[in-house]
Amino acid sequence: MRKIIISIFLVLTFLCSTAMSETAADWFRKAEALWNGKKFTDPKKAIKYLNNGIKLSPNIASAYYNRGVAYRDLGQYKRTIEDCNQAIRLEPNNTDAYLNRGVAYYNVGQYQFAIKDYNQALRLKPDYADAYYGRGDVYSSLNQYQRAIENYNESIRLKPDNVGAYYNRGTIYNKLGQYQHAIEDFNKAILLNPNDADAYKNRGLSYYLLKNNELGCRDAKKACELGNCKTLELVKKNKGLCH
């Protein structure tokens, strides 16, 4: 028994000494290695690494911001807001932290706070395409469609490959009965992302509303091939189309 206890003690000592040898920068680099350009591939592991780094160096704004992004990837928006608060406290002009906090506020339905954060991000960085895009989403959720379109327009002007802006603007055009404009936006969204089932589905809807059943069926079938069969099933059942 004595030998076993000593062995366990040595293992624990080794693990502790190994952890202690890691610097804050080491932990932050490990978290950064999990970033693929859009999100963390393993947000839970990224949070673990960032926690370790923050314990060693608690006044790095980017560490809190990055952890907030990881929480956002997990849908833990309250924690995202808390980390962005801390990042902004340490670095008041951190445009990305305002943007990320705006995204979190939007996802928890606190639209006015989201707009306030997007406005601040744009004051600090007037050409911030993602802030216009996020603010467009908020205005769309508030049914302020013209304001939403204006923000999507600006986001697209600054970032012409923003597939989400085309898709969301197209969805609004459908709601407003501007079906040809909607089709043009869905065309662009599909060009940028050919496997977007929702874009095919919504473009098909636009065609149906324009009485172009042939193209509507084509898109409904394509959407179904990509995993979204709702429109195809609906028109088959209610309209007797697309057989």
C-alpha atoms as a PDB file:
ATOM      1  CA  MET A   1       0.000   0.000   0.000  1.00  0.00           C
ATOM      2  CA  ARG A   2       2.859   2.388   0.850  1.00  0.00           C
ATOM      3  CA  LYS A   3       4.384   1.929  -2.615  1.00  0.00           C
ATOM      4  CA  ILE A   4       1.038   2.656  -4.297  1.00  0.00           C
ATOM      5  CA  ILE A   5       0.542   5.854  -2.280  1.00  0.00           C
ATOM      6  CA  ILE A   6       4.052   7.039  -3.153  1.00  0.00           C
ATOM      7  CA  SER A   7       3.424   6.297  -6.848  1.00  0.00           C
ATOM      8  CA  ILE A   8       0.190   8.292  -6.856  1.00  0.00           C
ATOM      9  CA  PHE A   9       1.939  11.167  -5.097  1.00  0.00           C
ATOM     10  CA  LEU A  10       4.685  11.202  -7.710  1.00  0.00           C
ATOM     11  CA  VAL A  11       2.146  11.211 -10.562  1.00  0.00           C
ATOM     12  CA  LEU A  12       0.241  14.115  -9.012  1.00  0.00           C
ATOM     13  CA  THR A  13       3.445  16.009  -8.432  1.00  0.00           C
ATOM     14  CA  PHE A  14       4.458  15.493 -12.051  1.00  0.00           C
ATOM     15  CA  LEU A  15       1.064  16.651 -13.363  1.00  0.00           C
ATOM     16  CA  CYS A  16       1.072  19.741 -11.174  1.00  0.00           C
ATOM     17  CA  SER A  17       4.615  20.670 -12.144  1.00  0.00           C
ATOM     18  CA  THR A  18       3.758  20.205 -15.818  1.00  0.00           C
ATOM     19  CA  ALA A  19       0.707  22.473 -15.509  1.00  0.00           C
ATOM     20  CA  MET A  20       2.734  25.064 -13.609  1.00  0.00           C
ATOM     21  CA  SER A  21       5.357  25.116 -16.344  1.00  0.00           C
ATOM     22  CA  GLU A  22       2.798  26.384 -18.878  1.00  0.00           C
ATOM     23  CA  THR A  23       2.716  30.172 -19.214  1.00  0.00           C
ATOM     24  CA  ALA A  24      -0.410  32.221 -19.880  1.00  0.00           C
ATOM     25  CA  ALA A  25       0.808  32.740 -23.439  1.00  0.00           C
ATOM     26  CA  ASP A  26       1.110  28.983 -23.867  1.00  0.00           C
ATOM     27  CA  TRP A  27      -2.505  28.452 -22.829  1.00  0.00           C
ATOM     28  CA  PHE A  28      -3.722  31.272 -25.062  1.00  0.00           C
ATOM     29  CA  ARG A  29      -1.845  29.786 -28.029  1.00  0.00           C
ATOM     30  CA  LYS A  30      -3.430  26.401 -27.375  1.00  0.00           C
ATOM     31  CA  ALA A  31      -6.872  28.003 -27.460  1.00  0.00           C
ATOM     32  CA  GLU A  32      -6.003  29.945 -30.604  1.00  0.00           C
ATOM     33  CA  ALA A  33      -5.001  26.701 -32.334  1.00  0.00           C
ATOM     34  CA  LEU A  34      -8.628  25.563 -32.010  1.00  0.00           C
ATOM     35  CA  TRP A  35      -9.928  28.564 -33.991  1.00  0.00           C
ATOM     36  CA  ASN A  36     -10.792  27.757 -37.624  1.00  0.00           C
ATOM     37  CA  GLY A  37     -11.484  31.309 -38.747  1.00  0.00           C
ATOM     38  CA  LYS A  38     -15.192  31.240 -37.918  1.00  0.00           C
ATOM     39  CA  LYS A  39     -15.558  29.385 -34.629  1.00  0.00           C
ATOM     40  CA  PHE A  40     -13.735  27.182 -32.144  1.00  0.00           C
ATOM     41  CA  THR A  41     -13.588  23.568 -33.283  1.00  0.00           C
ATOM     42  CA  ASP A  42     -13.728  22.471 -29.642  1.00  0.00           C
ATOM     43  CA  PRO A  43     -15.134  25.379 -27.597  1.00  0.00           C
ATOM     44  CA  LYS A  44     -15.132  23.458 -24.311  1.00  0.00           C
ATOM     45  CA  LYS A  45     -11.437  22.728 -24.628  1.00  0.00           C
ATOM     46  CA  ALA A  46     -10.791  26.335 -25.677  1.00  0.00           C
ATOM     47  CA  ILE A  47     -12.570  27.549 -22.540  1.00  0.00           C
ATOM     48  CA  LYS A  48     -10.444  25.223 -20.408  1.00  0.00           C
ATOM     49  CA  TYR A  49      -7.249  26.573 -21.944  1.00  0.00           C
ATOM     50  CA  LEU A  50      -8.407  30.178 -21.629  1.00  0.00           C
ATOM     51  CA  ASN A  51      -9.397  29.635 -17.989  1.00  0.00           C
ATOM     52  CA  ASN A  52      -5.869  28.434 -17.273  1.00  0.00           C
ATOM     53  CA  GLY A  53      -4.352  31.400 -19.062  1.00  0.00           C
ATOM     54  CA  ILE A  54      -6.616  33.916 -17.329  1.00  0.00           C
ATOM     55  CA  LYS A  55      -5.684  32.506 -13.922  1.00  0.00           C
ATOM     56  CA  LEU A  56      -2.045  33.249 -14.697  1.00  0.00           C
ATOM     57  CA  SER A  57      -2.641  36.572 -16.455  1.00  0.00           C
ATOM     58  CA  PRO A  58      -6.048  38.022 -15.512  1.00  0.00           C
ATOM     59  CA  ASN A  59      -5.823  41.388 -17.273  1.00  0.00           C
ATOM     60  CA  ILE A  60      -5.712  40.403 -20.956  1.00  0.00           C
ATOM     61  CA  ALA A  61      -8.806  41.752 -22.723  1.00  0.00           C
ATOM     62  CA  SER A  62      -8.467  39.418 -25.717  1.00  0.00           C
ATOM     63  CA  ALA A  63      -8.532  36.363 -23.436  1.00  0.00           C
ATOM     64  CA  TYR A  64     -11.953  37.321 -22.085  1.00  0.00           C
ATOM     65  CA  TYR A  65     -13.164  38.183 -25.573  1.00  0.00           C
ATOM     66  CA  ASN A  66     -12.023  34.815 -26.936  1.00  0.00           C
ATOM     67  CA  ARG A  67     -13.606  32.944 -24.057  1.00  0.00           C
ATOM     68  CA  GLY A  68     -16.801  34.881 -24.721  1.00  0.00           C
ATOM     69  CA  VAL A  69     -16.701  33.692 -28.338  1.00  0.00           C
ATOM     70  CA  ALA A  70     -16.274  30.094 -27.152  1.00  0.00           C
ATOM     71  CA  TYR A  71     -19.276  30.487 -24.848  1.00  0.00           C
ATOM     72  CA  ARG A  72     -21.209  31.959 -27.774  1.00  0.00           C
ATOM     73  CA  ASP A  73     -20.349  28.888 -29.849  1.00  0.00           C
ATOM     74  CA  LEU A  74     -21.894  26.801 -27.061  1.00  0.00           C
ATOM     75  CA  GLY A  75     -24.990  29.002 -26.899  1.00  0.00           C
ATOM     76  CA  GLN A  76     -24.112  30.182 -23.384  1.00  0.00           C
ATOM     77  CA  TYR A  77     -24.943  33.815 -24.096  1.00  0.00           C
ATOM     78  CA  LYS A  78     -25.099  35.066 -20.515  1.00  0.00           C
ATOM     79  CA  ARG A  79     -21.476  34.022 -20.030  1.00  0.00           C
ATOM     80  CA  THR A  80     -20.601  35.611 -23.369  1.00  0.00           C
ATOM     81  CA  ILE A  81     -22.020  38.910 -22.115  1.00  0.00           C
ATOM     82  CA  GLU A  82     -20.085  38.644 -18.849  1.00  0.00           C
ATOM     83  CA  ASP A  83     -16.794  38.008 -20.645  1.00  0.00           C
ATOM     84  CA  CYS A  84     -17.385  40.820 -23.137  1.00  0.00           C
ATOM     85  CA  ASN A  85     -18.136  43.150 -20.218  1.00  0.00           C
ATOM     86  CA  GLN A  86     -14.743  42.263 -18.781  1.00  0.00           C
ATOM     87  CA  ALA A  87     -12.977  42.664 -22.135  1.00  0.00           C
ATOM     88  CA  ILE A  88     -14.556  46.102 -22.596  1.00  0.00           C
ATOM     89  CA  ARG A  89     -13.625  47.119 -19.040  1.00  0.00           C
ATOM     90  CA  LEU A  90      -9.997  46.296 -19.808  1.00  0.00           C
ATOM     91  CA  GLU A  91     -10.078  47.671 -23.350  1.00  0.00           C
ATOM     92  CA  PRO A  92     -12.926  50.190 -23.850  1.00  0.00           C
ATOM     93  CA  ASN A  93     -12.366  50.460 -27.613  1.00  0.00           C
ATOM     94  CA  ASN A  94     -12.519  46.722 -28.288  1.00  0.00           C
ATOM     95  CA  THR A  95     -14.846  46.720 -31.303  1.00  0.00           C
ATOM     96  CA  ASP A  96     -14.999  42.920 -31.495  1.00  0.00           C
ATOM     97  CA  ALA A  97     -16.176  42.704 -27.890  1.00  0.00           C
ATOM     98  CA  TYR A  98     -19.039  45.108 -28.621  1.00  0.00           C
ATOM     99  CA  LEU A  99     -19.952  43.057 -31.666  1.00  0.00           C
ATOM    100  CA  ASN A 100     -19.870  39.752 -29.808  1.00  0.00           C
ATOM    101  CA  ARG A 101     -21.880  41.156 -26.914  1.00  0.00           C
ATOM    102  CA  GLY A 102     -24.388  42.495 -29.439  1.00  0.00           C
ATOM    103  CA  VAL A 103     -24.728  39.000 -30.918  1.00  0.00           C
ATOM    104  CA  ALA A 104     -25.327  37.585 -27.428  1.00  0.00           C
ATOM    105  CA  TYR A 105     -27.918  40.238 -26.570  1.00  0.00           C
ATOM    106  CA  TYR A 106     -29.685  39.524 -29.866  1.00  0.00           C
ATOM    107  CA  ASN A 107     -29.831  35.809 -29.119  1.00  0.00           C
ATOM    108  CA  VAL A 108     -31.401  36.379 -25.696  1.00  0.00           C
ATOM    109  CA  GLY A 109     -33.964  38.810 -27.137  1.00  0.00           C
ATOM    110  CA  GLN A 110     -32.513  42.001 -25.638  1.00  0.00           C
ATOM    111  CA  TYR A 111     -32.725  43.851 -28.924  1.00  0.00           C
ATOM    112  CA  GLN A 112     -32.196  47.407 -27.721  1.00  0.00           C
ATOM    113  CA  PHE A 113     -28.998  46.428 -25.923  1.00  0.00           C
ATOM    114  CA  ALA A 114     -27.874  44.657 -29.093  1.00  0.00           C
ATOM    115  CA  ILE A 115     -28.518  47.766 -31.205  1.00  0.00           C
ATOM    116  CA  LYS A 116     -26.626  49.890 -28.694  1.00  0.00           C
ATOM    117  CA  ASP A 117     -23.594  47.592 -28.946  1.00  0.00           C
ATOM    118  CA  TYR A 118     -23.688  47.469 -32.751  1.00  0.00           C
ATOM    119  CA  ASN A 119     -23.946  51.269 -32.819  1.00  0.00           C
ATOM    120  CA  GLN A 120     -20.895  51.552 -30.577  1.00  0.00           C
ATOM    121  CA  ALA A 121     -18.941  49.087 -32.711  1.00  0.00           C
ATOM    122  CA  LEU A 122     -19.754  51.191 -35.782  1.00  0.00           C
ATOM    123  CA  ARG A 123     -18.748  54.416 -34.054  1.00  0.00           C
ATOM    124  CA  LEU A 124     -15.372  52.864 -33.374  1.00  0.00           C
ATOM    125  CA  LYS A 125     -15.111  51.167 -36.774  1.00  0.00           C
ATOM    126  CA  PRO A 126     -17.447  52.711 -39.382  1.00  0.00           C
ATOM    127  CA  ASP A 127     -16.633  50.086 -42.026  1.00  0.00           C
ATOM    128  CA  TYR A 128     -17.456  47.107 -39.793  1.00  0.00           C
ATOM    129  CA  ALA A 129     -19.521  44.913 -42.136  1.00  0.00           C
ATOM    130  CA  ASP A 130     -20.414  42.375 -39.439  1.00  0.00           C
ATOM    131  CA  ALA A 131     -21.867  45.095 -37.214  1.00  0.00           C
ATOM    132  CA  TYR A 132     -24.182  46.248 -40.017  1.00  0.00           C
ATOM    133  CA  TYR A 133     -25.157  42.629 -40.592  1.00  0.00           C
ATOM    134  CA  GLY A 134     -25.907  42.051 -36.909  1.00  0.00           C
ATOM    135  CA  ARG A 135     -27.888  45.270 -36.634  1.00  0.00           C
ATOM    136  CA  GLY A 136     -29.842  44.220 -39.715  1.00  0.00           C
ATOM    137  CA  ASP A 137     -30.800  40.992 -37.947  1.00  0.00           C
ATOM    138  CA  VAL A 138     -32.080  42.951 -34.959  1.00  0.00           C
ATOM    139  CA  TYR A 139     -34.182  45.296 -37.078  1.00  0.00           C
ATOM    140  CA  SER A 140     -35.553  42.311 -38.982  1.00  0.00           C
ATOM    141  CA  SER A 141     -36.614  40.681 -35.699  1.00  0.00           C
ATOM    142  CA  LEU A 142     -38.300  43.967 -34.748  1.00  0.00           C
ATOM    143  CA  ASN A 143     -40.161  43.918 -38.110  1.00  0.00           C
ATOM    144  CA  GLN A 144     -38.416  47.148 -39.090  1.00  0.00           C
ATOM    145  CA  TYR A 145     -37.759  45.767 -42.533  1.00  0.00           C
ATOM    146  CA  GLN A 146     -36.601  48.891 -44.344  1.00  0.00           C
ATOM    147  CA  ARG A 147     -33.984  49.548 -41.671  1.00  0.00           C
ATOM    148  CA  ALA A 148     -32.924  45.912 -41.857  1.00  0.00           C
ATOM    149  CA  ILE A 149     -32.523  46.114 -45.645  1.00  0.00           C
ATOM    150  CA  GLU A 150     -30.455  49.293 -45.338  1.00  0.00           C
ATOM    151  CA  ASN A 151     -28.100  47.566 -42.904  1.00  0.00           C
ATOM    152  CA  TYR A 152     -27.806  44.458 -45.073  1.00  0.00           C
ATOM    153  CA  ASN A 153     -27.105  46.719 -48.067  1.00  0.00           C
ATOM    154  CA  GLU A 154     -24.232  48.340 -46.211  1.00  0.00           C
ATOM    155  CA  SER A 155     -22.888  45.012 -44.985  1.00  0.00           C
ATOM    156  CA  ILE A 156     -22.902  43.658 -48.551  1.00  0.00           C
ATOM    157  CA  ARG A 157     -21.234  46.803 -49.882  1.00  0.00           C
ATOM    158  CA  LEU A 158     -18.402  46.345 -47.402  1.00  0.00           C
ATOM    159  CA  LYS A 159     -18.288  42.554 -47.587  1.00  0.00           C
ATOM    160  CA  PRO A 160     -19.647  41.317 -50.941  1.00  0.00           C
ATOM    161  CA  ASP A 161     -19.325  37.635 -49.992  1.00  0.00           C
ATOM    162  CA  ASN A 162     -21.578  37.933 -46.918  1.00  0.00           C
ATOM    163  CA  VAL A 163     -23.889  35.053 -47.761  1.00  0.00           C
ATOM    164  CA  GLY A 164     -26.009  35.569 -44.644  1.00  0.00           C
ATOM    165  CA  ALA A 165     -26.801  39.157 -45.599  1.00  0.00           C
ATOM    166  CA  TYR A 166     -28.035  38.104 -49.045  1.00  0.00           C
ATOM    167  CA  TYR A 167     -30.115  35.292 -47.559  1.00  0.00           C
ATOM    168  CA  ASN A 168     -31.682  37.431 -44.834  1.00  0.00           C
ATOM    169  CA  ARG A 169     -32.367  40.316 -47.188  1.00  0.00           C
ATOM    170  CA  GLY A 170     -33.991  37.879 -49.613  1.00  0.00           C
ATOM    171  CA  THR A 171     -36.208  36.568 -46.816  1.00  0.00           C
ATOM    172  CA  ILE A 172     -37.364  40.118 -46.072  1.00  0.00           C
ATOM    173  CA  TYR A 173     -38.072  40.791 -49.740  1.00  0.00           C
ATOM    174  CA  ASN A 174     -40.297  37.704 -49.764  1.00  0.00           C
ATOM    175  CA  LYS A 175     -42.205  39.069 -46.764  1.00  0.00           C
ATOM    176  CA  LEU A 176     -42.618  42.406 -48.545  1.00  0.00           C
ATOM    177  CA  GLY A 177     -43.894  40.736 -51.710  1.00  0.00           C
ATOM    178  CA  GLN A 178     -40.812  41.786 -53.712  1.00  0.00           C
ATOM    179  CA  TYR A 179     -40.285  38.307 -55.067  1.00  0.00           C
ATOM    180  CA  GLN A 180     -37.953  39.144 -57.937  1.00  0.00           C
ATOM    181  CA  HIS A 181     -35.600  40.969 -55.567  1.00  0.00           C
ATOM    182  CA  ALA A 182     -35.804  37.956 -53.259  1.00  0.00           C
ATOM    183  CA  ILE A 183     -34.854  35.606 -56.102  1.00  0.00           C
ATOM    184  CA  GLU A 184     -31.849  37.764 -56.979  1.00  0.00           C
ATOM    185  CA  ASP A 185     -30.632  37.617 -53.384  1.00  0.00           C
ATOM    186  CA  PHE A 186     -31.130  33.875 -53.107  1.00  0.00           C
ATOM    187  CA  ASN A 187     -29.276  33.469 -56.412  1.00  0.00           C
ATOM    188  CA  LYS A 188     -26.318  35.243 -54.844  1.00  0.00           C
ATOM    189  CA  ALA A 189     -26.569  33.236 -51.610  1.00  0.00           C
ATOM    190  CA  ILE A 190     -26.612  29.969 -53.578  1.00  0.00           C
ATOM    191  CA  LEU A 191     -23.674  31.076 -55.709  1.00  0.00           C
ATOM    192  CA  LEU A 192     -21.677  31.681 -52.521  1.00  0.00           C
ATOM    193  CA  ASN A 193     -22.944  28.540 -50.780  1.00  0.00           C
ATOM    194  CA  PRO A 194     -24.260  25.959 -53.293  1.00  0.00           C
ATOM    195  CA  ASN A 195     -25.304  23.525 -50.556  1.00  0.00           C
ATOM    196  CA  ASP A 196     -27.620  25.888 -48.669  1.00  0.00           C
ATOM    197  CA  ALA A 197     -30.911  23.986 -48.559  1.00  0.00           C
ATOM    198  CA  ASP A 198     -32.784  26.921 -47.004  1.00  0.00           C
ATOM    199  CA  ALA A 199     -31.765  29.244 -49.825  1.00  0.00           C
ATOM    200  CA  TYR A 200     -33.160  26.807 -52.404  1.00  0.00           C
ATOM    201  CA  LYS A 201     -36.307  26.366 -50.339  1.00  0.00           C
ATOM    202  CA  ASN A 202     -36.919  30.108 -50.087  1.00  0.00           C
ATOM    203  CA  ARG A 203     -36.079  30.778 -53.711  1.00  0.00           C
ATOM    204  CA  GLY A 204     -38.557  28.051 -54.614  1.00  0.00           C
ATOM    205  CA  LEU A 205     -41.159  29.809 -52.504  1.00  0.00           C
ATOM    206  CA  SER A 206     -40.478  33.043 -54.396  1.00  0.00           C
ATOM    207  CA  TYR A 207     -41.001  31.234 -57.698  1.00  0.00           C
ATOM    208  CA  TYR A 208     -44.274  29.700 -56.491  1.00  0.00           C
ATOM    209  CA  LEU A 209     -45.524  33.115 -55.443  1.00  0.00           C
ATOM    210  CA  LEU A 210     -44.675  34.368 -58.937  1.00  0.00           C
ATOM    211  CA  LYS A 211     -46.707  31.421 -60.335  1.00  0.00           C
ATOM    212  CA  ASN A 212     -43.583  29.824 -61.790  1.00  0.00           C
ATOM    213  CA  ASN A 213     -44.312  26.313 -60.581  1.00  0.00           C
ATOM    214  CA  GLU A 214     -41.668  24.658 -62.739  1.00  0.00           C
ATOM    215  CA  LEU A 215     -38.776  26.562 -61.158  1.00  0.00           C
ATOM    216  CA  GLY A 216     -40.453  26.375 -57.774  1.00  0.00           C
ATOM    217  CA  CYS A 217     -40.525  22.582 -57.993  1.00  0.00           C
ATOM    218  CA  ARG A 218     -36.936  22.478 -59.184  1.00  0.00           C
ATOM    219  CA  ASP A 219     -35.787  24.379 -56.118  1.00  0.00           C
ATOM    220  CA  ALA A 220     -38.050  22.445 -53.740  1.00  0.00           C
ATOM    221  CA  LYS A 221     -36.562  19.180 -55.007  1.00  0.00           C
ATOM    222  CA  LYS A 222     -33.028  20.522 -54.710  1.00  0.00           C
ATOM    223  CA  ALA A 223     -33.717  21.680 -51.154  1.00  0.00           C
ATOM    224  CA  CYS A 224     -35.013  18.200 -50.348  1.00  0.00           C
ATOM    225  CA  GLU A 225     -31.870  16.606 -51.794  1.00  0.00           C
ATOM    226  CA  LEU A 226     -29.904  18.788 -49.380  1.00  0.00           C
ATOM    227  CA  GLY A 227     -32.041  17.783 -46.402  1.00  0.00           C
ATOM    228  CA  ASN A 228     -34.970  20.239 -46.268  1.00  0.00           C
ATOM    229  CA  CYS A 229     -38.093  18.590 -47.702  1.00  0.00           C
ATOM    230  CA  LYS A 230     -40.766  20.756 -46.045  1.00  0.00           C
ATOM    231  CA  THR A 231     -41.669  22.836 -49.086  1.00  0.00           C
ATOM    232  CA  LEU A 232     -41.652  19.832 -51.425  1.00  0.00           C
ATOM    233  CA  GLU A 233     -43.961  17.860 -49.125  1.00  0.00           C
ATOM    234  CA  LEU A 234     -46.239  20.873 -48.708  1.00  0.00           C
ATOM    235  CA  VAL A 235     -46.718  21.591 -52.410  1.00  0.00           C
ATOM    236  CA  LYS A 236     -47.214  17.920 -53.187  1.00  0.00           C
ATOM    237  CA  LYS A 237     -49.902  17.632 -50.524  1.00  0.00           C
ATOM    238  CA  ASN A 238     -51.716  20.938 -50.972  1.00  0.00           C
ATOM    239  CA  LYS A 239     -51.052  21.871 -54.594  1.00  0.00           C
ATOM    240  CA  GLY A 240     -50.581  18.513 -56.279  1.00  0.00           C
ATOM    241  CA  LEU A 241     -47.305  19.740 -57.728  1.00  0.00           C
ATOM    242  CA  CYS A 242     -43.760  18.382 -58.122  1.00  0.00           C
ATOM    243  CA  HIS A 243     -44.618  14.718 -58.612  1.00  0.00           C
END
